[in-house]
C-alpha atoms as a PDB file:
ATOM      1  CA  MET A   1       0.074   0.021  -0.031  1.00  0.00           C
ATOM      2  CA  LYS A   2       3.006   2.182   0.914  1.00  0.00           C
ATOM      3  CA  ARG A   3       4.528   1.175  -2.511  1.00  0.00           C
ATOM      4  CA  THR A   4       1.384   2.181  -4.246  1.00  0.00           C
ATOM      5  CA  LEU A   5       1.164   5.532  -2.577  1.00  0.00           C
ATOM      6  CA  THR A   6       5.069   6.575  -3.129  1.00  0.00           C
ATOM      7  CA  SER A   7       4.014   5.578  -7.299  1.00  0.00           C
ATOM      8  CA  LEU A   8       1.043   7.774  -7.068  1.00  0.00           C
ATOM      9  CA  ALA A   9       2.498  11.015  -5.587  1.00  0.00           C
ATOM     10  CA  THR A  10       5.431  10.134  -7.966  1.00  0.00           C
ATOM     11  CA  SER A  11       3.161  10.301 -10.925  1.00  0.00           C
ATOM     12  CA  LEU A  12       0.978  13.317  -9.572  1.00  0.00           C
ATOM     13  CA  ALA A  13       4.832  15.161  -9.349  1.00  0.00           C
ATOM     14  CA  LEU A  14       5.477  14.354 -12.594  1.00  0.00           C
ATOM     15  CA  LEU A  15       1.990  15.124 -14.250  1.00  0.00           C
ATOM     16  CA  LEU A  16       2.486  18.740 -12.374  1.00  0.00           C
ATOM     17  CA  SER A  17       5.871  19.301 -13.895  1.00  0.00           C
ATOM     18  CA  LEU A  18       4.596  18.234 -16.879  1.00  0.00           C
ATOM     19  CA  ALA A  19       1.933  20.554 -16.883  1.00  0.00           C
ATOM     20  CA  GLY A  20       4.115  23.705 -16.196  1.00  0.00           C
ATOM     21  CA  THR A  21       6.171  23.200 -19.525  1.00  0.00           C
ATOM     22  CA  ALA A  22       2.738  22.421 -21.235  1.00  0.00           C
ATOM     23  CA  PRO A  23       2.516  24.224 -24.681  1.00  0.00           C
ATOM     24  CA  ALA A  24       0.354  27.700 -25.029  1.00  0.00           C
ATOM     25  CA  ALA A  25      -3.054  27.018 -25.496  1.00  0.00           C
ATOM     26  CA  GLU A  26      -3.167  29.658 -27.879  1.00  0.00           C
ATOM     27  CA  LYS A  27      -1.333  30.497 -30.983  1.00  0.00           C
ATOM     28  CA  LEU A  28      -0.538  34.095 -32.950  1.00  0.00           C
ATOM     29  CA  ILE A  29       0.755  34.734 -35.666  1.00  0.00           C
ATOM     30  CA  VAL A  30       1.961  38.443 -36.768  1.00  0.00           C
ATOM     31  CA  TYR A  31       3.268  39.268 -40.334  1.00  0.00           C
ATOM     32  CA  THR A  32       5.017  43.078 -39.278  1.00  0.00           C
ATOM     33  CA  SER A  33       7.573  44.952 -41.215  1.00  0.00           C
ATOM     34  CA  MET A  34       9.117  46.388 -37.689  1.00  0.00           C
ATOM     35  CA  LYS A  35      12.890  45.977 -37.420  1.00  0.00           C
ATOM     36  CA  GLU A  36      14.422  42.841 -35.481  1.00  0.00           C
ATOM     37  CA  SER A  37      15.408  44.365 -32.671  1.00  0.00           C
ATOM     38  CA  LEU A  38      11.766  45.707 -32.325  1.00  0.00           C
ATOM     39  CA  ILE A  39       9.770  42.950 -32.967  1.00  0.00           C
ATOM     40  CA  GLY A  40      11.973  40.295 -30.883  1.00  0.00           C
ATOM     41  CA  GLN A  41      11.599  42.446 -27.884  1.00  0.00           C
ATOM     42  CA  ILE A  42       7.842  42.540 -28.401  1.00  0.00           C
ATOM     43  CA  LYS A  43       7.603  39.017 -28.511  1.00  0.00           C
ATOM     44  CA  ASP A  44       9.732  38.144 -25.355  1.00  0.00           C
ATOM     45  CA  ALA A  45       8.135  41.120 -23.133  1.00  0.00           C
ATOM     46  CA  PHE A  46       4.634  39.310 -24.548  1.00  0.00           C
ATOM     47  CA  ALA A  47       5.671  35.954 -23.673  1.00  0.00           C
ATOM     48  CA  LYS A  48       6.144  36.975 -19.875  1.00  0.00           C
ATOM     49  CA  LYS A  49       2.655  39.024 -19.911  1.00  0.00           C
ATOM     50  CA  HIS A  50       0.930  35.888 -21.778  1.00  0.00           C
ATOM     51  CA  PRO A  51       2.411  32.889 -21.548  1.00  0.00           C
ATOM     52  CA  GLU A  52      -0.503  31.241 -22.776  1.00  0.00           C
ATOM     53  CA  VAL A  53      -0.190  32.806 -26.050  1.00  0.00           C
ATOM     54  CA  ALA A  54       2.456  31.485 -28.220  1.00  0.00           C
ATOM     55  CA  LEU A  55       4.070  33.988 -30.616  1.00  0.00           C
ATOM     56  CA  ASP A  56       5.548  33.557 -33.457  1.00  0.00           C
ATOM     57  CA  TYR A  57       5.957  36.744 -36.127  1.00  0.00           C
ATOM     58  CA  GLN A  58       7.608  36.910 -39.858  1.00  0.00           C
ATOM     59  CA  SER A  59       9.386  40.254 -40.569  1.00  0.00           C
ATOM     60  CA  ALA A  60      10.112  41.790 -43.894  1.00  0.00           C
ATOM     61  CA  GLY A  61       9.200  44.645 -46.044  1.00  0.00           C
ATOM     62  CA  ALA A  62       5.810  45.835 -46.403  1.00  0.00           C
ATOM     63  CA  GLY A  63       5.444  45.061 -50.075  1.00  0.00           C
ATOM     64  CA  LYS A  64       6.796  41.536 -49.594  1.00  0.00           C
ATOM     65  CA  LEU A  65       4.339  40.832 -46.995  1.00  0.00           C
ATOM     66  CA  MET A  66       1.602  42.366 -48.838  1.00  0.00           C
ATOM     67  CA  ALA A  67       2.268  40.225 -51.888  1.00  0.00           C
ATOM     68  CA  LYS A  68       2.387  36.905 -49.283  1.00  0.00           C
ATOM     69  CA  ILE A  69      -1.047  37.925 -48.435  1.00  0.00           C
ATOM     70  CA  ALA A  70      -2.103  38.071 -51.483  1.00  0.00           C
ATOM     71  CA  ALA A  71      -0.825  34.833 -52.589  1.00  0.00           C
ATOM     72  CA  GLU A  72      -2.100  33.073 -49.464  1.00  0.00           C
ATOM     73  CA  ARG A  73      -5.692  34.760 -49.976  1.00  0.00           C
ATOM     74  CA  GLU A  74      -5.532  33.142 -53.558  1.00  0.00           C
ATOM     75  CA  SER A  75      -5.051  29.954 -51.962  1.00  0.00           C
ATOM     76  CA  GLY A  76      -8.054  30.221 -49.929  1.00  0.00           C
ATOM     77  CA  LYS A  77      -6.370  30.983 -46.063  1.00  0.00           C
ATOM     78  CA  ILE A  78      -3.656  33.505 -44.625  1.00  0.00           C
ATOM     79  CA  LEU A  79      -1.991  32.243 -42.315  1.00  0.00           C
ATOM     80  CA  ALA A  80      -1.207  35.584 -39.950  1.00  0.00           C
ATOM     81  CA  ASP A  81      -3.410  36.540 -37.523  1.00  0.00           C
ATOM     82  CA  VAL A  82      -2.011  40.550 -37.304  1.00  0.00           C
ATOM     83  CA  LEU A  83      -0.233  42.865 -39.375  1.00  0.00           C
ATOM     84  CA  TRP A  84       1.491  45.275 -38.145  1.00  0.00           C
ATOM     85  CA  THR A  85       3.628  47.680 -40.942  1.00  0.00           C
ATOM     86  CA  SER A  86       4.155  51.666 -41.682  1.00  0.00           C
ATOM     87  CA  GLU A  87       2.228  51.321 -44.996  1.00  0.00           C
ATOM     88  CA  VAL A  88      -1.488  53.090 -43.986  1.00  0.00           C
ATOM     89  CA  PRO A  89      -2.817  52.720 -47.301  1.00  0.00           C
ATOM     90  CA  ASP A  90      -2.206  48.728 -47.092  1.00  0.00           C
ATOM     91  CA  PHE A  91      -4.707  49.032 -44.493  1.00  0.00           C
ATOM     92  CA  TYR A  92      -7.249  51.000 -46.015  1.00  0.00           C
ATOM     93  CA  GLN A  93      -7.297  48.744 -48.942  1.00  0.00           C
ATOM     94  CA  LEU A  94      -7.028  45.783 -46.832  1.00  0.00           C
ATOM     95  CA  LYS A  95     -10.647  47.271 -44.854  1.00  0.00           C
ATOM     96  CA  ALA A  96     -12.384  48.334 -48.539  1.00  0.00           C
ATOM     97  CA  GLU A  97     -12.059  44.556 -49.031  1.00  0.00           C
ATOM     98  CA  GLY A  98     -13.427  43.201 -46.058  1.00  0.00           C
ATOM     99  CA  MET A  99     -10.507  41.618 -44.505  1.00  0.00           C
ATOM    100  CA  LEU A 100      -9.936  43.107 -41.435  1.00  0.00           C
ATOM    101  CA  LEU A 101     -11.854  42.570 -37.827  1.00  0.00           C
ATOM    102  CA  PRO A 102     -12.857  46.023 -35.829  1.00  0.00           C
ATOM    103  CA  TYR A 103     -11.466  46.082 -32.456  1.00  0.00           C
ATOM    104  CA  VAL A 104     -11.268  48.679 -30.523  1.00  0.00           C
ATOM    105  CA  SER A 105      -9.061  48.295 -27.547  1.00  0.00           C
ATOM    106  CA  PRO A 106      -9.901  49.416 -23.968  1.00  0.00           C
ATOM    107  CA  LEU A 107      -6.771  50.988 -24.617  1.00  0.00           C
ATOM    108  CA  ALA A 108      -7.573  53.078 -27.475  1.00  0.00           C
ATOM    109  CA  LYS A 109      -8.776  55.923 -25.440  1.00  0.00           C
ATOM    110  CA  GLU A 110      -5.520  56.550 -23.883  1.00  0.00           C
ATOM    111  CA  ILE A 111      -3.488  57.006 -27.113  1.00  0.00           C
ATOM    112  CA  LEU A 112      -2.584  59.910 -29.406  1.00  0.00           C
ATOM    113  CA  ASN A 113      -4.585  58.617 -32.630  1.00  0.00           C
ATOM    114  CA  PRO A 114      -3.947  60.490 -35.992  1.00  0.00           C
ATOM    115  CA  PHE A 115      -6.680  58.615 -37.797  1.00  0.00           C
ATOM    116  CA  THR A 116     -10.154  60.882 -37.522  1.00  0.00           C
ATOM    117  CA  ASP A 117     -11.629  58.532 -39.006  1.00  0.00           C
ATOM    118  CA  PHE A 118     -11.051  55.360 -36.801  1.00  0.00           C
ATOM    119  CA  ASP A 119     -13.662  52.749 -36.343  1.00  0.00           C
ATOM    120  CA  GLY A 120     -11.156  49.640 -35.042  1.00  0.00           C
ATOM    121  CA  SER A 121     -10.648  48.156 -38.110  1.00  0.00           C
ATOM    122  CA  PHE A 122      -6.595  49.088 -37.755  1.00  0.00           C
ATOM    123  CA  THR A 123      -5.221  51.189 -34.808  1.00  0.00           C
ATOM    124  CA  PRO A 124      -1.626  53.249 -34.630  1.00  0.00           C
ATOM    125  CA  ALA A 125       0.519  51.447 -32.386  1.00  0.00           C
ATOM    126  CA  ARG A 126       3.538  53.804 -33.278  1.00  0.00           C
ATOM    127  CA  LEU A 127       4.086  57.135 -34.823  1.00  0.00           C
ATOM    128  CA  GLY A 128       6.883  57.046 -37.363  1.00  0.00           C
ATOM    129  CA  THR A 129       8.533  60.514 -38.373  1.00  0.00           C
ATOM    130  CA  LEU A 130      10.414  61.645 -41.189  1.00  0.00           C
ATOM    131  CA  GLY A 131      12.829  64.647 -40.821  1.00  0.00           C
ATOM    132  CA  VAL A 132      15.939  65.915 -42.584  1.00  0.00           C
ATOM    133  CA  ALA A 133      19.068  63.894 -41.578  1.00  0.00           C
ATOM    134  CA  TYR A 134      22.035  66.312 -42.417  1.00  0.00           C
ATOM    135  CA  ASN A 135      25.887  65.128 -42.174  1.00  0.00           C
ATOM    136  CA  THR A 136      27.472  67.556 -39.292  1.00  0.00           C
ATOM    137  CA  ARG A 137      31.273  67.293 -41.088  1.00  0.00           C
ATOM    138  CA  LEU A 138      29.623  69.075 -43.878  1.00  0.00           C
ATOM    139  CA  ILE A 139      26.704  71.003 -43.019  1.00  0.00           C
ATOM    140  CA  LYS A 140      27.155  73.063 -39.945  1.00  0.00           C
ATOM    141  CA  GLU A 141      24.205  75.012 -39.688  1.00  0.00           C
ATOM    142  CA  ALA A 142      20.946  72.811 -39.450  1.00  0.00           C
ATOM    143  CA  PRO A 143      18.245  73.214 -41.920  1.00  0.00           C
ATOM    144  CA  ALA A 144      15.385  74.691 -40.235  1.00  0.00           C
ATOM    145  CA  THR A 145      12.637  74.754 -43.020  1.00  0.00           C
ATOM    146  CA  TRP A 146      11.896  72.316 -45.758  1.00  0.00           C
ATOM    147  CA  GLN A 147      12.675  75.964 -47.859  1.00  0.00           C
ATOM    148  CA  ASP A 148      16.555  75.810 -46.626  1.00  0.00           C
ATOM    149  CA  LEU A 149      17.062  72.606 -48.824  1.00  0.00           C
ATOM    150  CA  LEU A 150      16.839  75.001 -51.646  1.00  0.00           C
ATOM    151  CA  ASP A 151      19.828  76.853 -50.489  1.00  0.00           C
ATOM    152  CA  VAL A 152      23.211  76.354 -52.668  1.00  0.00           C
ATOM    153  CA  ARG A 153      24.545  74.544 -49.644  1.00  0.00           C
ATOM    154  CA  PHE A 154      22.405  71.619 -50.651  1.00  0.00           C
ATOM    155  CA  LYS A 155      22.885  72.099 -54.414  1.00  0.00           C
ATOM    156  CA  GLY A 156      23.406  68.612 -55.813  1.00  0.00           C
ATOM    157  CA  THR A 157      23.882  66.897 -52.311  1.00  0.00           C
ATOM    158  CA  TYR A 158      20.279  66.031 -51.171  1.00  0.00           C
ATOM    159  CA  GLY A 159      18.307  62.832 -51.075  1.00  0.00           C
ATOM    160  CA  ILE A 160      14.826  61.833 -51.502  1.00  0.00           C
ATOM    161  CA  ALA A 161      14.053  57.641 -51.566  1.00  0.00           C
ATOM    162  CA  ASN A 162      12.784  56.413 -54.664  1.00  0.00           C
ATOM    163  CA  PRO A 163       8.724  56.581 -53.658  1.00  0.00           C
ATOM    164  CA  ALA A 164       8.093  53.626 -55.955  1.00  0.00           C
ATOM    165  CA  LEU A 165      10.718  51.450 -53.844  1.00  0.00           C
ATOM    166  CA  SER A 166       9.869  52.905 -50.531  1.00  0.00           C
ATOM    167  CA  GLY A 167       6.350  53.311 -49.147  1.00  0.00           C
ATOM    168  CA  THR A 168       7.251  55.473 -46.444  1.00  0.00           C
ATOM    169  CA  SER A 169       9.022  57.612 -49.286  1.00  0.00           C
ATOM    170  CA  TYR A 170       5.845  57.559 -51.265  1.00  0.00           C
ATOM    171  CA  MET A 171       3.787  59.031 -47.950  1.00  0.00           C
ATOM    172  CA  SER A 172       6.277  61.572 -47.571  1.00  0.00           C
ATOM    173  CA  VAL A 173       6.681  62.860 -50.941  1.00  0.00           C
ATOM    174  CA  ALA A 174       2.675  62.968 -51.459  1.00  0.00           C
ATOM    175  CA  ALA A 175       2.728  64.688 -47.794  1.00  0.00           C
ATOM    176  CA  LEU A 176       4.828  67.408 -49.222  1.00  0.00           C
ATOM    177  CA  VAL A 177       3.123  68.046 -52.315  1.00  0.00           C
ATOM    178  CA  THR A 178      -0.168  68.217 -50.331  1.00  0.00           C
ATOM    179  CA  GLN A 179       1.456  71.061 -48.087  1.00  0.00           C
ATOM    180  CA  PHE A 180       4.017  72.952 -50.699  1.00  0.00           C
ATOM    181  CA  GLY A 181       2.985  71.788 -54.045  1.00  0.00           C
ATOM    182  CA  TRP A 182       4.686  70.081 -57.086  1.00  0.00           C
ATOM    183  CA  GLU A 183       6.457  73.819 -57.464  1.00  0.00           C
ATOM    184  CA  TYR A 184       8.679  72.760 -54.074  1.00  0.00           C
ATOM    185  CA  ILE A 185       9.463  69.176 -55.827  1.00  0.00           C
ATOM    186  CA  GLY A 186      10.379  71.152 -58.998  1.00  0.00           C
ATOM    187  CA  LYS A 187      12.618  73.289 -56.769  1.00  0.00           C
ATOM    188  CA  LEU A 188      14.446  70.823 -55.107  1.00  0.00           C
ATOM    189  CA  LYS A 189      15.302  69.341 -58.729  1.00  0.00           C
ATOM    190  CA  ALA A 190      16.723  72.480 -59.959  1.00  0.00           C
ATOM    191  CA  ASN A 191      18.639  72.753 -57.079  1.00  0.00           C
ATOM    192  CA  GLY A 192      20.368  69.377 -58.003  1.00  0.00           C
ATOM    193  CA  ALA A 193      18.481  67.227 -55.322  1.00  0.00           C
ATOM    194  CA  LYS A 194      18.837  63.327 -56.163  1.00  0.00           C
ATOM    195  CA  MET A 195      16.566  60.492 -55.939  1.00  0.00           C
ATOM    196  CA  GLY A 196      17.931  57.514 -54.176  1.00  0.00           C
ATOM    197  CA  LYS A 197      16.864  53.892 -53.690  1.00  0.00           C
ATOM    198  CA  GLY A 198      15.718  53.051 -50.354  1.00  0.00           C
ATOM    199  CA  SER A 199      14.691  54.852 -47.522  1.00  0.00           C
ATOM    200  CA  GLY A 200      17.861  53.315 -45.328  1.00  0.00           C
ATOM    201  CA  GLN A 201      20.298  53.850 -48.340  1.00  0.00           C
ATOM    202  CA  VAL A 202      19.984  57.641 -48.725  1.00  0.00           C
ATOM    203  CA  VAL A 203      20.885  57.912 -44.731  1.00  0.00           C
ATOM    204  CA  ASP A 204      23.924  55.586 -45.627  1.00  0.00           C
ATOM    205  CA  ASP A 205      24.956  58.067 -48.385  1.00  0.00           C
ATOM    206  CA  THR A 206      24.154  60.738 -45.646  1.00  0.00           C
ATOM    207  CA  ALA A 207      26.437  59.105 -42.936  1.00  0.00           C
ATOM    208  CA  SER A 208      29.258  58.598 -46.071  1.00  0.00           C
ATOM    209  CA  GLY A 209      29.227  62.137 -47.512  1.00  0.00           C
ATOM    210  CA  ASP A 210      28.190  61.201 -50.938  1.00  0.00           C
ATOM    211  CA  LEU A 211      24.842  63.287 -49.423  1.00  0.00           C
ATOM    212  CA  SER A 212      25.222  66.064 -47.196  1.00  0.00           C
ATOM    213  CA  ALA A 213      21.378  65.758 -46.333  1.00  0.00           C
ATOM    214  CA  SER A 214      18.599  63.616 -46.870  1.00  0.00           C
ATOM    215  CA  LEU A 215      14.735  62.811 -46.156  1.00  0.00           C
ATOM    216  CA  ALA A 216      15.423  60.432 -43.285  1.00  0.00           C
ATOM    217  CA  VAL A 217      13.365  58.100 -41.488  1.00  0.00           C
ATOM    218  CA  ASP A 218      13.754  58.784 -37.483  1.00  0.00           C
ATOM    219  CA  TYR A 219      15.014  55.202 -36.277  1.00  0.00           C
ATOM    220  CA  ILE A 220      17.097  54.202 -38.916  1.00  0.00           C
ATOM    221  CA  THR A 221      19.180  57.591 -38.104  1.00  0.00           C
ATOM    222  CA  ASN A 222      19.352  57.644 -34.950  1.00  0.00           C
ATOM    223  CA  ASP A 223      20.654  53.665 -35.491  1.00  0.00           C
ATOM    224  CA  LYS A 224      23.070  55.355 -36.980  1.00  0.00           C
ATOM    225  CA  ILE A 225      23.752  57.879 -34.863  1.00  0.00           C
ATOM    226  CA  GLU A 226      24.038  55.370 -32.208  1.00  0.00           C
ATOM    227  CA  LYS A 227      26.850  53.820 -34.109  1.00  0.00           C
ATOM    228  CA  GLY A 228      29.095  56.674 -34.373  1.00  0.00           C
ATOM    229  CA  ALA A 229      27.703  58.077 -37.523  1.00  0.00           C
ATOM    230  CA  THR A 230      28.449  61.967 -37.601  1.00  0.00           C
ATOM    231  CA  ILE A 231      24.784  62.931 -38.880  1.00  0.00           C
ATOM    232  CA  ALA A 232      22.051  64.604 -36.884  1.00  0.00           C
ATOM    233  CA  LEU A 233      18.222  64.523 -37.577  1.00  0.00           C
ATOM    234  CA  VAL A 234      16.107  67.836 -37.514  1.00  0.00           C
ATOM    235  CA  TYR A 235      12.607  68.905 -38.059  1.00  0.00           C
ATOM    236  CA  PRO A 236      10.803  71.509 -39.883  1.00  0.00           C
ATOM    237  CA  PRO A 237       8.223  73.222 -38.647  1.00  0.00           C
ATOM    238  CA  GLU A 238       5.477  71.144 -40.750  1.00  0.00           C
ATOM    239  CA  MET A 239       6.168  67.605 -39.786  1.00  0.00           C
ATOM    240  CA  LEU A 240       6.108  63.980 -41.775  1.00  0.00           C
ATOM    241  CA  VAL A 241       4.438  61.692 -39.274  1.00  0.00           C
ATOM    242  CA  ILE A 242       3.561  58.343 -40.297  1.00  0.00           C
ATOM    243  CA  PRO A 243       1.462  56.362 -37.964  1.00  0.00           C
ATOM    244  CA  SER A 244       2.253  52.422 -38.096  1.00  0.00           C
ATOM    245  CA  PRO A 245      -0.891  50.401 -37.648  1.00  0.00           C
ATOM    246  CA  VAL A 246      -2.089  47.105 -36.485  1.00  0.00           C
ATOM    247  CA  ALA A 247      -5.250  44.784 -37.530  1.00  0.00           C
ATOM    248  CA  ILE A 248      -6.632  41.854 -36.795  1.00  0.00           C
ATOM    249  CA  PHE A 249      -7.432  39.633 -40.016  1.00  0.00           C
ATOM    250  CA  LYS A 250     -11.174  39.026 -40.160  1.00  0.00           C
ATOM    251  CA  ASN A 251     -11.001  35.385 -40.185  1.00  0.00           C
ATOM    252  CA  THR A 252      -8.790  34.408 -37.895  1.00  0.00           C
ATOM    253  CA  PRO A 253      -8.968  31.430 -35.455  1.00  0.00           C
ATOM    254  CA  ASN A 254      -7.192  33.276 -33.108  1.00  0.00           C
ATOM    255  CA  ALA A 255      -8.961  36.402 -32.817  1.00  0.00           C
ATOM    256  CA  ASP A 256      -8.816  36.392 -28.930  1.00  0.00           C
ATOM    257  CA  ALA A 257      -4.948  36.165 -28.603  1.00  0.00           C
ATOM    258  CA  ALA A 258      -4.910  38.712 -31.802  1.00  0.00           C
ATOM    259  CA  LYS A 259      -6.575  41.227 -29.680  1.00  0.00           C
ATOM    260  CA  LYS A 260      -4.529  40.594 -26.499  1.00  0.00           C
ATOM    261  CA  PHE A 261      -1.362  41.643 -28.712  1.00  0.00           C
ATOM    262  CA  VAL A 262      -3.139  44.800 -29.769  1.00  0.00           C
ATOM    263  CA  ASP A 263      -3.851  45.634 -25.890  1.00  0.00           C
ATOM    264  CA  PHE A 264       0.096  44.792 -25.323  1.00  0.00           C
ATOM    265  CA  LEU A 265       1.175  47.264 -28.150  1.00  0.00           C
ATOM    266  CA  LEU A 266      -0.838  50.306 -26.706  1.00  0.00           C
ATOM    267  CA  SER A 267       0.091  49.265 -23.082  1.00  0.00           C
ATOM    268  CA  LYS A 268       2.452  51.559 -21.286  1.00  0.00           C
ATOM    269  CA  GLU A 269       4.890  48.665 -21.260  1.00  0.00           C
ATOM    270  CA  GLY A 270       4.836  47.750 -24.917  1.00  0.00           C
ATOM    271  CA  GLN A 271       5.221  51.910 -25.829  1.00  0.00           C
ATOM    272  CA  THR A 272       8.076  51.912 -23.736  1.00  0.00           C
ATOM    273  CA  ILE A 273       9.750  49.215 -25.997  1.00  0.00           C
ATOM    274  CA  ILE A 274       8.765  51.100 -29.227  1.00  0.00           C
ATOM    275  CA  ALA A 275       9.725  54.401 -27.710  1.00  0.00           C
ATOM    276  CA  GLY A 276      13.255  52.290 -26.697  1.00  0.00           C
ATOM    277  CA  GLU A 277      13.810  52.172 -30.675  1.00  0.00           C
ATOM    278  CA  GLY A 278      13.918  55.693 -31.550  1.00  0.00           C
ATOM    279  CA  THR A 279      10.756  56.104 -32.662  1.00  0.00           C
ATOM    280  CA  LEU A 280       7.844  58.034 -31.326  1.00  0.00           C
ATOM    281  CA  PRO A 281       5.114  55.589 -29.128  1.00  0.00           C
ATOM    282  CA  VAL A 282       1.286  56.518 -29.676  1.00  0.00           C
ATOM    283  CA  ARG A 283       1.046  57.212 -25.477  1.00  0.00           C
ATOM    284  CA  ALA A 284       1.693  60.606 -24.097  1.00  0.00           C
ATOM    285  CA  ASP A 285       2.475  59.234 -20.893  1.00  0.00           C
ATOM    286  CA  VAL A 286       5.711  57.135 -22.185  1.00  0.00           C
ATOM    287  CA  PRO A 287       8.452  59.251 -22.309  1.00  0.00           C
ATOM    288  CA  VAL A 288      11.172  59.225 -25.318  1.00  0.00           C
ATOM    289  CA  ASP A 289      14.837  59.297 -24.233  1.00  0.00           C
ATOM    290  CA  PRO A 290      16.364  62.909 -24.738  1.00  0.00           C
ATOM    291  CA  LYS A 291      19.202  61.063 -26.540  1.00  0.00           C
ATOM    292  CA  PHE A 292      16.929  60.606 -29.775  1.00  0.00           C
ATOM    293  CA  LYS A 293      16.533  64.443 -30.153  1.00  0.00           C
ATOM    294  CA  LEU A 294      12.810  63.513 -30.833  1.00  0.00           C
ATOM    295  CA  PRO A 295       9.765  65.851 -30.297  1.00  0.00           C
ATOM    296  CA  ALA A 296       7.014  65.079 -27.873  1.00  0.00           C
ATOM    297  CA  ALA A 297       4.305  62.628 -29.564  1.00  0.00           C
ATOM    298  CA  SER A 298       1.628  65.055 -28.844  1.00  0.00           C
ATOM    299  CA  ASP A 299       3.630  68.014 -30.598  1.00  0.00           C
ATOM    300  CA  ALA A 300       4.012  65.668 -33.245  1.00  0.00           C
ATOM    301  CA  VAL A 301       0.582  64.944 -34.142  1.00  0.00           C
ATOM    302  CA  LYS A 302      -0.018  68.477 -33.904  1.00  0.00           C
ATOM    303  CA  ARG A 303       2.288  69.959 -36.081  1.00  0.00           C
ATOM    304  CA  ALA A 304       1.743  66.483 -38.449  1.00  0.00           C
ATOM    305  CA  ILE A 305       0.767  67.290 -42.105  1.00  0.00           C
ATOM    306  CA  LYS A 306      -2.368  65.878 -42.433  1.00  0.00           C
ATOM    307  CA  LEU A 307      -2.953  63.116 -45.260  1.00  0.00           C
ATOM    308  CA  ASP A 308      -5.887  62.096 -47.284  1.00  0.00           C
ATOM    309  CA  TYR A 309      -4.639  58.431 -47.281  1.00  0.00           C
ATOM    310  CA  LEU A 310      -7.679  57.383 -49.618  1.00  0.00           C
ATOM    311  CA  LYS A 311      -6.386  60.122 -52.018  1.00  0.00           C
ATOM    312  CA  MET A 312      -2.794  58.785 -51.859  1.00  0.00           C
ATOM    313  CA  ILE A 313      -4.202  55.536 -52.617  1.00  0.00           C
ATOM    314  CA  ALA A 314      -6.249  56.301 -55.850  1.00  0.00           C
ATOM    315  CA  GLU A 315      -3.294  58.902 -57.111  1.00  0.00           C
ATOM    316  CA  LYS A 316      -0.489  56.674 -55.975  1.00  0.00           C
ATOM    317  CA  GLU A 317       0.763  55.903 -59.289  1.00  0.00           C
ATOM    318  CA  ALA A 318       0.447  59.424 -61.357  1.00  0.00           C
ATOM    319  CA  THR A 319       2.261  60.906 -58.210  1.00  0.00           C
ATOM    320  CA  ILE A 320       5.004  58.656 -58.122  1.00  0.00           C
ATOM    321  CA  LYS A 321       5.170  58.728 -62.173  1.00  0.00           C
ATOM    322  CA  LYS A 322       5.408  62.616 -61.900  1.00  0.00           C
ATOM    323  CA  PHE A 323       8.033  62.398 -59.153  1.00  0.00           C
ATOM    324  CA  THR A 324      10.173  60.465 -61.156  1.00  0.00           C
ATOM    325  CA  ASP A 325       9.622  62.009 -64.233  1.00  0.00           C
ATOM    326  CA  ILE A 326      10.591  65.485 -62.600  1.00  0.00           C
ATOM    327  CA  MET A 327      13.875  64.047 -60.698  1.00  0.00           C
ATOM    328  CA  GLN A 328      14.825  62.351 -63.522  1.00  0.00           C
ATOM    329  CA  GLY A 329      14.411  65.708 -65.462  1.00  0.00           C
ATOM    330  CA  LYS A 330      12.129  64.540 -68.017  1.00  0.00           C
END
């Protein structure tokens, strides 16, 4: 009898031990264009808060992810539960096609939300900004306005990423045209402005001195500065602020886990991780390290050039063609 009780106790202990290492009950797959250091930290912190959810992600450029989603949709099943990128027009397109599950997080009321038509189809989880990166070895006086880039000191040495290759560059070009008109783009070209390739490449060229300045993404520039590049990032009064939305796919079998992920991104913990990567959080109560020299999130939203995303979708091809023609001197 004693031996039987001992065996039962041993078996119970083993079962409890196995239960402690049992796989998570919920699964979640996130497709994201966020850089590896950011999404990796988010995954680790989310796992600690929600051990019941097994989170996996695929990180790639937004264009590649949208192509993957289109292929999966064609085959009959989208493998992702959540999408998180910075290509706002993509989210409006997915919404129009009825592919998104509306979800208004309990934390949505606590964030800075630049979407005036917000209905829960997608929620801003980060505020990406673009300013002017300049090489401090070549430029001694920082440009203060967008018009300063027309000065002779930037002649032939200011770069903008190709909007056909970079969605962020496209939205920035569209915003500048909205604010200043095509005449401004023509003046940039007349001053020798160059069209580069990707958003990272123009910042690299600014750091190397091939360019004296460029239209630059915040976290890309701040990464370079942290690694010792002799560049600085400044923001003209009219700011380019591009939200990074997160959305849940409509037919996901893991909706509860997806909602937990959205909630975590909007929480102070999630936003603190985002702020630590050199970009703006969507919460005004999450500070950003002064070393990044970013404006306050609330100030950025106030100063942001207003964007009509539906118009940007409709005019994308024409805008890219006109910009390319101007920059190529056609």
